[in-house]
Amino acid sequence: MSASFFAPYDHNVEPYIRIATGDYPDLKKELGRDDSLAAFIVSLSHEVIHYHQWVRTGRTHERGVCKKAVAMLREYGTSVDRP
């Protein structure tokens, strides 16, 4: 699985997040539906954290991002029965 956030130097240029989903069938076989979808959601959460960094500071960094992304997934998990 791969995800990325495009953080342009100029805030007038539109940023974007990309998430590769082509390996979903294999992940589903290996992990099951819910855990596979959770993996994609945590990847999206990770990139959203980078987006928030970029909006606030104009830069991104990895320090603490995984922990925040997992916390975001857990908070989401409290509001739904399944991913």
N, C-alpha and C. Protein backbone atom coordinates (compact mmCIF):
# COMPACT_ATOMS: atom_id res chain seq x y z
N MET A 1 0.85 -1.17 0.00
CA MET A 1 0.00 0.00 0.00
C MET A 1 0.89 1.23 0.00
N SER A 2 0.45 2.24 -0.68
CA SER A 2 1.23 3.46 -0.78
C SER A 2 0.28 4.66 -0.75
N ALA A 3 0.69 5.68 -0.01
CA ALA A 3 -0.08 6.93 0.04
C ALA A 3 0.91 8.08 0.05
N SER A 4 0.51 9.20 -0.50
CA SER A 4 1.38 10.37 -0.52
C SER A 4 0.56 11.65 -0.47
N PHE A 5 1.21 12.69 0.04
CA PHE A 5 0.62 14.02 0.08
C PHE A 5 1.51 14.95 -0.73
N PHE A 6 0.95 15.62 -1.72
CA PHE A 6 1.68 16.61 -2.50
C PHE A 6 1.53 17.95 -1.81
N ALA A 7 2.64 18.45 -1.28
CA ALA A 7 2.66 19.72 -0.56
C ALA A 7 3.41 20.75 -1.40
N PRO A 8 2.70 21.55 -2.16
CA PRO A 8 3.40 22.52 -3.01
C PRO A 8 4.07 23.62 -2.17
N TYR A 9 5.10 24.23 -2.73
CA TYR A 9 5.76 25.34 -2.05
C TYR A 9 4.86 26.56 -1.97
N ASP A 10 4.01 26.72 -2.94
CA ASP A 10 3.11 27.88 -3.04
C ASP A 10 1.72 27.48 -2.56
N HIS A 11 1.20 28.17 -1.55
CA HIS A 11 -0.13 27.86 -1.02
C HIS A 11 -1.25 28.18 -2.02
N ASN A 12 -0.93 28.83 -3.12
CA ASN A 12 -1.93 29.07 -4.16
C ASN A 12 -2.09 27.87 -5.09
N VAL A 13 -1.19 26.91 -4.97
CA VAL A 13 -1.26 25.67 -5.76
C VAL A 13 -2.00 24.64 -4.93
N GLU A 14 -2.92 23.94 -5.58
CA GLU A 14 -3.77 22.96 -4.89
C GLU A 14 -2.97 21.74 -4.42
N PRO A 15 -3.00 21.42 -3.12
CA PRO A 15 -2.37 20.18 -2.65
C PRO A 15 -3.28 18.99 -2.93
N TYR A 16 -2.74 17.78 -2.84
CA TYR A 16 -3.59 16.61 -2.99
C TYR A 16 -2.99 15.40 -2.29
N ILE A 17 -3.86 14.45 -2.00
CA ILE A 17 -3.48 13.18 -1.39
C ILE A 17 -3.79 12.08 -2.39
N ARG A 18 -2.85 11.13 -2.52
CA ARG A 18 -3.07 9.96 -3.38
C ARG A 18 -2.94 8.70 -2.53
N ILE A 19 -3.83 7.75 -2.75
CA ILE A 19 -3.75 6.46 -2.06
C ILE A 19 -3.91 5.36 -3.11
N ALA A 20 -2.92 4.49 -3.17
CA ALA A 20 -2.99 3.35 -4.08
C ALA A 20 -3.89 2.29 -3.46
N THR A 21 -4.81 1.77 -4.24
CA THR A 21 -5.77 0.79 -3.72
C THR A 21 -5.72 -0.54 -4.47
N GLY A 22 -4.80 -0.69 -5.39
CA GLY A 22 -4.74 -1.89 -6.21
C GLY A 22 -4.45 -3.17 -5.46
N ASP A 23 -3.85 -3.05 -4.26
CA ASP A 23 -3.54 -4.25 -3.49
C ASP A 23 -4.66 -4.64 -2.52
N TYR A 24 -5.80 -3.96 -2.61
CA TYR A 24 -6.91 -4.28 -1.70
C TYR A 24 -7.33 -5.76 -1.76
N PRO A 25 -7.52 -6.35 -2.94
CA PRO A 25 -7.93 -7.76 -2.94
C PRO A 25 -6.97 -8.68 -2.19
N ASP A 26 -5.67 -8.44 -2.35
CA ASP A 26 -4.68 -9.27 -1.64
C ASP A 26 -4.72 -9.00 -0.14
N LEU A 27 -4.82 -7.74 0.24
CA LEU A 27 -4.92 -7.40 1.67
C LEU A 27 -6.18 -8.00 2.29
N LYS A 28 -7.26 -7.95 1.55
CA LYS A 28 -8.53 -8.51 2.06
C LYS A 28 -8.39 -10.00 2.32
N LYS A 29 -7.74 -10.72 1.41
CA LYS A 29 -7.51 -12.16 1.61
C LYS A 29 -6.63 -12.40 2.84
N GLU A 30 -5.63 -11.55 3.01
CA GLU A 30 -4.66 -11.73 4.10
C GLU A 30 -5.20 -11.27 5.46
N LEU A 31 -5.86 -10.09 5.47
CA LEU A 31 -6.25 -9.47 6.73
C LEU A 31 -7.75 -9.49 7.01
N GLY A 32 -8.55 -9.70 5.97
CA GLY A 32 -10.00 -9.57 6.11
C GLY A 32 -10.44 -8.17 5.74
N ARG A 33 -11.73 -8.03 5.52
CA ARG A 33 -12.31 -6.76 5.05
C ARG A 33 -12.02 -5.59 5.98
N ASP A 34 -12.39 -5.74 7.25
CA ASP A 34 -12.30 -4.61 8.17
C ASP A 34 -10.87 -4.14 8.39
N ASP A 35 -9.94 -5.08 8.60
CA ASP A 35 -8.55 -4.67 8.83
C ASP A 35 -7.92 -4.09 7.57
N SER A 36 -8.31 -4.60 6.41
CA SER A 36 -7.80 -4.04 5.16
C SER A 36 -8.27 -2.61 4.97
N LEU A 37 -9.55 -2.38 5.19
CA LEU A 37 -10.08 -1.02 5.07
C LEU A 37 -9.46 -0.10 6.12
N ALA A 38 -9.25 -0.62 7.33
CA ALA A 38 -8.62 0.18 8.38
C ALA A 38 -7.21 0.60 7.96
N ALA A 39 -6.50 -0.28 7.27
CA ALA A 39 -5.15 0.06 6.80
C ALA A 39 -5.20 1.24 5.82
N PHE A 40 -6.18 1.24 4.94
CA PHE A 40 -6.32 2.37 4.00
C PHE A 40 -6.72 3.65 4.75
N ILE A 41 -7.58 3.50 5.74
CA ILE A 41 -8.03 4.68 6.49
C ILE A 41 -6.88 5.28 7.29
N VAL A 42 -6.04 4.44 7.88
CA VAL A 42 -4.90 4.99 8.63
C VAL A 42 -3.91 5.64 7.68
N SER A 43 -3.76 5.12 6.46
CA SER A 43 -2.90 5.79 5.47
C SER A 43 -3.47 7.15 5.09
N LEU A 44 -4.77 7.21 4.89
CA LEU A 44 -5.41 8.50 4.61
C LEU A 44 -5.22 9.45 5.79
N SER A 45 -5.42 8.95 7.00
CA SER A 45 -5.25 9.78 8.20
C SER A 45 -3.83 10.34 8.27
N HIS A 46 -2.84 9.51 7.97
CA HIS A 46 -1.44 9.93 7.97
C HIS A 46 -1.24 11.11 7.03
N GLU A 47 -1.80 11.00 5.84
CA GLU A 47 -1.64 12.08 4.86
C GLU A 47 -2.44 13.33 5.26
N VAL A 48 -3.58 13.15 5.90
CA VAL A 48 -4.35 14.30 6.39
C VAL A 48 -3.56 15.06 7.45
N ILE A 49 -2.84 14.34 8.31
CA ILE A 49 -1.97 14.99 9.30
C ILE A 49 -0.93 15.84 8.58
N HIS A 50 -0.33 15.31 7.51
CA HIS A 50 0.63 16.10 6.74
C HIS A 50 -0.03 17.33 6.13
N TYR A 51 -1.25 17.17 5.65
CA TYR A 51 -1.98 18.32 5.10
C TYR A 51 -2.14 19.41 6.17
N HIS A 52 -2.54 19.01 7.36
CA HIS A 52 -2.71 19.98 8.45
C HIS A 52 -1.38 20.67 8.79
N GLN A 53 -0.28 19.90 8.79
CA GLN A 53 1.04 20.50 9.02
C GLN A 53 1.33 21.56 7.96
N TRP A 54 1.08 21.19 6.72
CA TRP A 54 1.37 22.09 5.61
C TRP A 54 0.54 23.37 5.69
N VAL A 55 -0.74 23.22 6.03
CA VAL A 55 -1.61 24.41 6.15
C VAL A 55 -1.07 25.33 7.24
N ARG A 56 -0.67 24.76 8.38
CA ARG A 56 -0.21 25.57 9.52
C ARG A 56 1.17 26.16 9.31
N THR A 57 2.10 25.38 8.73
CA THR A 57 3.50 25.80 8.72
C THR A 57 4.12 25.93 7.34
N GLY A 58 3.46 25.37 6.33
CA GLY A 58 4.05 25.37 4.99
C GLY A 58 5.04 24.23 4.79
N ARG A 59 5.19 23.38 5.81
CA ARG A 59 6.12 22.25 5.74
C ARG A 59 5.47 21.00 6.31
N THR A 60 6.09 19.86 6.04
CA THR A 60 5.63 18.60 6.63
C THR A 60 6.83 17.90 7.27
N HIS A 61 6.54 17.04 8.24
CA HIS A 61 7.57 16.23 8.88
C HIS A 61 6.91 14.96 9.40
N GLU A 62 7.72 13.96 9.71
CA GLU A 62 7.19 12.66 10.14
C GLU A 62 7.04 12.55 11.66
N ARG A 63 7.68 13.41 12.41
CA ARG A 63 7.68 13.30 13.86
C ARG A 63 6.26 13.29 14.43
N GLY A 64 5.87 12.17 15.03
CA GLY A 64 4.57 12.06 15.68
C GLY A 64 3.40 11.78 14.76
N VAL A 65 3.63 11.71 13.46
CA VAL A 65 2.53 11.57 12.50
C VAL A 65 1.84 10.21 12.64
N CYS A 66 2.60 9.14 12.76
CA CYS A 66 1.98 7.80 12.87
C CYS A 66 1.08 7.72 14.10
N LYS A 67 1.55 8.23 15.20
CA LYS A 67 0.77 8.20 16.44
C LYS A 67 -0.54 8.99 16.28
N LYS A 68 -0.46 10.15 15.66
CA LYS A 68 -1.65 10.97 15.43
C LYS A 68 -2.61 10.31 14.46
N ALA A 69 -2.07 9.65 13.43
CA ALA A 69 -2.91 8.98 12.44
C ALA A 69 -3.66 7.82 13.08
N VAL A 70 -2.99 7.05 13.92
CA VAL A 70 -3.65 5.94 14.61
C VAL A 70 -4.71 6.48 15.57
N ALA A 71 -4.42 7.58 16.25
CA ALA A 71 -5.42 8.19 17.14
C ALA A 71 -6.64 8.64 16.34
N MET A 72 -6.41 9.18 15.14
CA MET A 72 -7.52 9.60 14.29
C MET A 72 -8.36 8.39 13.89
N LEU A 73 -7.70 7.28 13.55
CA LEU A 73 -8.41 6.05 13.19
C LEU A 73 -9.22 5.54 14.38
N ARG A 74 -8.64 5.55 15.56
CA ARG A 74 -9.37 5.09 16.75
C ARG A 74 -10.59 5.96 17.04
N GLU A 75 -10.43 7.27 16.89
CA GLU A 75 -11.58 8.17 17.09
C GLU A 75 -12.67 7.87 16.07
N TYR A 76 -12.27 7.66 14.82
CA TYR A 76 -13.23 7.29 13.78
C TYR A 76 -13.92 5.98 14.16
N GLY A 77 -13.15 5.03 14.67
CA GLY A 77 -13.70 3.74 15.05
C GLY A 77 -14.78 3.79 16.11
N THR A 78 -14.76 4.84 16.92
CA THR A 78 -15.79 4.98 17.95
C THR A 78 -17.12 5.44 17.37
N SER A 79 -17.11 5.91 16.11
CA SER A 79 -18.32 6.46 15.53
C SER A 79 -18.98 5.52 14.51
N VAL A 80 -18.35 4.38 14.22
CA VAL A 80 -18.88 3.45 13.24
C VAL A 80 -18.81 2.02 13.77
N ASP A 81 -19.64 1.16 13.22
CA ASP A 81 -19.58 -0.25 13.59
C ASP A 81 -18.46 -0.97 12.85
N ARG A 82 -18.25 -0.58 11.59
CA ARG A 82 -17.23 -1.20 10.74
C ARG A 82 -16.64 -0.11 9.85
N PRO A 83 -15.39 -0.33 9.38
CA PRO A 83 -14.81 0.66 8.46
C PRO A 83 -15.60 0.76 7.17
